Protein backbone atom coordinates (compact mmCIF):
# COMPACT_ATOMS: atom_id res chain seq x y z
CA MET A 1 -0.07 0.01 0.01
CA ALA A 2 1.28 3.54 -0.90
CA ALA A 3 2.55 5.55 1.88
CA GLY A 4 -0.31 7.56 3.57
CA ARG A 5 -3.02 5.47 2.25
CA THR A 6 -5.61 3.68 4.58
CA PRO A 7 -7.56 0.62 3.77
CA LEU A 8 -10.42 2.97 3.57
CA ASP A 9 -8.86 4.62 0.72
CA LYS A 10 -8.63 1.43 -1.13
CA VAL A 11 -12.37 1.00 -0.55
CA ILE A 12 -13.10 4.42 -1.84
CA ASP A 13 -10.96 3.88 -5.00
CA SER A 14 -12.98 0.51 -5.62
CA MET A 15 -16.23 2.79 -5.56
CA ARG A 16 -14.91 5.39 -8.33
CA PRO A 17 -17.13 5.08 -11.52
CA THR A 18 -14.27 3.59 -13.61
CA ALA A 19 -13.70 0.82 -11.12
CA ILE A 20 -17.62 0.16 -11.06
CA LEU A 21 -17.79 0.15 -14.83
CA ALA A 22 -14.87 -2.24 -14.98
CA THR A 23 -16.58 -4.72 -12.52
CA MET A 24 -19.81 -4.40 -14.46
CA ARG A 25 -18.35 -5.97 -17.57
CA THR A 26 -18.39 -9.79 -17.26
CA ALA A 27 -17.18 -10.36 -20.92
CA PRO A 28 -14.99 -8.21 -23.21
CA ALA A 29 -16.90 -5.48 -24.96
CA PRO A 30 -18.05 -6.45 -28.33
CA PRO A 31 -16.33 -4.91 -31.35
CA ILE A 32 -18.69 -1.96 -32.20
CA THR A 33 -18.15 0.24 -35.11
CA LEU A 34 -19.33 3.65 -35.86
CA PRO A 35 -22.26 4.06 -38.31
CA SER A 36 -22.00 3.82 -41.92
CA SER A 37 -23.21 6.46 -44.33
CA ALA A 38 -27.03 5.42 -43.75
CA GLN A 39 -27.70 8.27 -41.38
CA VAL A 40 -31.03 9.01 -39.68
CA GLY A 41 -32.43 12.36 -38.97
CA PRO A 42 -32.98 13.96 -35.59
CA GLU A 43 -36.81 13.44 -35.65
CA GLU A 44 -36.59 9.79 -37.14
CA VAL A 45 -38.32 7.05 -35.36
CA LEU A 46 -35.86 4.19 -34.81
CA SER A 47 -37.21 0.49 -34.60
CA TRP A 48 -35.31 -2.78 -34.87
CA LYS A 49 -35.51 -6.29 -33.66
CA LYS A 50 -33.06 -9.15 -33.76
CA ASP A 51 -34.15 -12.14 -35.97
CA GLY A 52 -36.24 -14.53 -34.09
CA VAL A 53 -37.72 -11.89 -31.94
CA GLN A 54 -41.56 -11.94 -32.20
CA ASN A 55 -43.26 -8.92 -33.77
CA ARG A 56 -45.59 -8.83 -30.74
CA VAL A 57 -42.56 -8.17 -28.43
CA LEU A 58 -41.51 -5.20 -30.65
CA GLN A 59 -45.11 -4.02 -30.62
CA ARG A 60 -45.11 -4.04 -26.77
CA LEU A 61 -41.78 -2.45 -26.60
CA LYS A 62 -43.15 0.43 -28.94
CA LYS A 63 -46.23 1.01 -26.70
CA GLY A 64 -43.87 1.38 -23.79
CA ALA A 65 -45.56 -1.82 -22.21
CA TYR A 66 -42.31 -3.10 -20.54
CA PRO A 67 -41.40 -1.36 -17.22
CA ILE A 68 -38.22 0.62 -17.47
CA SER A 69 -35.49 -0.90 -15.13
CA SER A 70 -32.80 1.56 -15.88
CA THR A 71 -32.21 4.93 -17.53
CA LEU A 72 -29.04 5.99 -19.16
CA ASP A 73 -28.76 9.72 -20.22
CA LEU A 74 -25.99 10.27 -22.84
CA HIS A 75 -26.56 14.27 -23.06
CA GLY A 76 -23.13 15.97 -23.04
CA ARG A 77 -21.07 12.86 -23.63
CA THR A 78 -18.65 12.36 -26.39
CA VAL A 79 -19.12 9.59 -28.71
CA ALA A 80 -16.24 7.64 -26.96
CA GLN A 81 -17.95 8.16 -23.52
CA ALA A 82 -21.15 7.38 -24.72
CA GLN A 83 -20.12 4.15 -25.96
CA GLU A 84 -18.47 3.24 -22.69
CA ASP A 85 -21.50 4.21 -20.63
CA MET A 86 -23.70 2.30 -22.91
CA LEU A 87 -21.72 -0.87 -22.76
CA GLY A 88 -21.37 -0.66 -19.08
CA CYS A 89 -25.01 -0.13 -18.75
CA ILE A 90 -26.18 -2.99 -20.89
CA ALA A 91 -23.77 -5.30 -19.26
CA ALA A 92 -24.92 -4.33 -15.73
CA ALA A 93 -28.55 -4.80 -16.82
CA ALA A 94 -27.94 -8.15 -18.39
CA ALA A 95 -25.93 -9.30 -15.13
CA GLU A 96 -28.75 -8.30 -13.03
CA GLY A 97 -31.60 -9.50 -15.29
CA ARG A 98 -33.04 -6.17 -16.05
CA ARG A 99 -34.90 -6.40 -19.28
CA CYS A 100 -35.75 -2.81 -20.47
CA LEU A 101 -33.56 0.16 -20.60
CA LEU A 102 -34.27 3.74 -21.57
CA ILE A 103 -31.30 5.31 -23.34
CA VAL A 104 -31.59 8.95 -23.84
CA HIS A 105 -29.32 10.07 -26.71
CA GLY A 106 -30.86 13.27 -27.65
CA LYS A 107 -31.47 14.73 -31.15
CA SER A 108 -28.82 17.29 -31.45
CA ALA A 109 -31.12 18.94 -34.16
CA SER A 110 -29.03 22.19 -34.18
CA ALA A 111 -25.51 20.81 -34.03
CA ALA A 112 -23.07 20.94 -36.81
CA ALA A 113 -23.47 17.02 -37.06
CA PRO A 114 -27.14 16.55 -36.42
CA ALA A 115 -28.20 13.34 -34.49
CA ARG A 116 -24.47 12.19 -34.18
CA LEU A 117 -25.17 10.17 -30.85
CA LYS A 118 -28.40 9.08 -32.11
CA ASN A 119 -26.75 7.44 -35.27
CA CYS A 120 -24.04 5.99 -33.20
CA VAL A 121 -26.26 4.43 -30.49
CA ASN A 122 -28.58 3.05 -33.42
CA ALA A 123 -25.54 1.35 -34.94
CA TRP A 124 -24.14 0.16 -31.57
CA LEU A 125 -27.35 -1.32 -30.54
CA ARG A 126 -27.86 -3.42 -33.72
CA GLN A 127 -24.40 -4.90 -33.18
CA HIS A 128 -24.68 -5.63 -29.64
CA PRO A 129 -25.27 -9.36 -28.83
CA GLN A 130 -27.26 -8.89 -25.70
CA VAL A 131 -29.95 -6.48 -27.26
CA ASN A 132 -32.90 -8.22 -28.69
CA ALA A 133 -34.90 -5.08 -29.88
CA PHE A 134 -35.16 -1.30 -29.41
CA HIS A 135 -37.76 1.32 -30.55
CA SER A 136 -37.98 5.12 -29.98
CA ALA A 137 -39.46 6.16 -26.96
CA LYS A 138 -43.06 7.63 -26.28
CA PRO A 139 -43.09 11.35 -26.11
CA GLN A 140 -43.17 11.39 -22.19
CA HIS A 141 -39.76 9.39 -22.02
CA GLY A 142 -38.07 11.63 -24.63
CA GLY A 143 -39.68 10.77 -28.09
CA ALA A 144 -37.27 10.56 -30.98
CA GLY A 145 -34.44 11.48 -28.49
CA ALA A 146 -34.64 8.15 -26.56
CA LEU A 147 -34.96 4.62 -27.09
CA TYR A 148 -36.63 1.65 -25.25
CA VAL A 149 -34.03 -1.06 -25.27
CA LEU A 150 -34.91 -4.81 -24.75
CA ILE A 151 -32.11 -6.93 -23.18
CA GLY A 152 -32.33 -10.65 -23.68
CA LYS A 153 -33.17 -12.79 -20.84
CA ARG A 154 -30.35 -14.43 -18.73
CA SER A 155 -29.74 -18.13 -19.33
CA PRO A 156 -30.43 -20.17 -16.22
């Protein structure tokens, strides 16, 4: 132990956000790439489901019928920070058996690169192995600036 450090310092260090995020990841982060040239607009509704997921599951998600177990707000984050936060949130949700997340990415309608985070999140979620489906949120949860994300059930 470094000079002047107490056992309490070690506990406090383990509670720092970077240490917590590191412990949330049970597997290496999947290789996730930035979106291709197919960009979506700030007000565009996003909807996607993995092959094999029933249409009625996506319909329930679209209606906001699944209880939201966690919310992640990516406002003000860089692309790299947003990806790290999103991967950590999904890993934690999957490990704890939480099924539905609300990810608020914003629209960035007036920015130089409109909907940049929205486009990145759209691409990342489609590539993530633990994501079964996602759909733009209802207006009271952020509308086109947020997504309901359905995480796969844990294996027994």
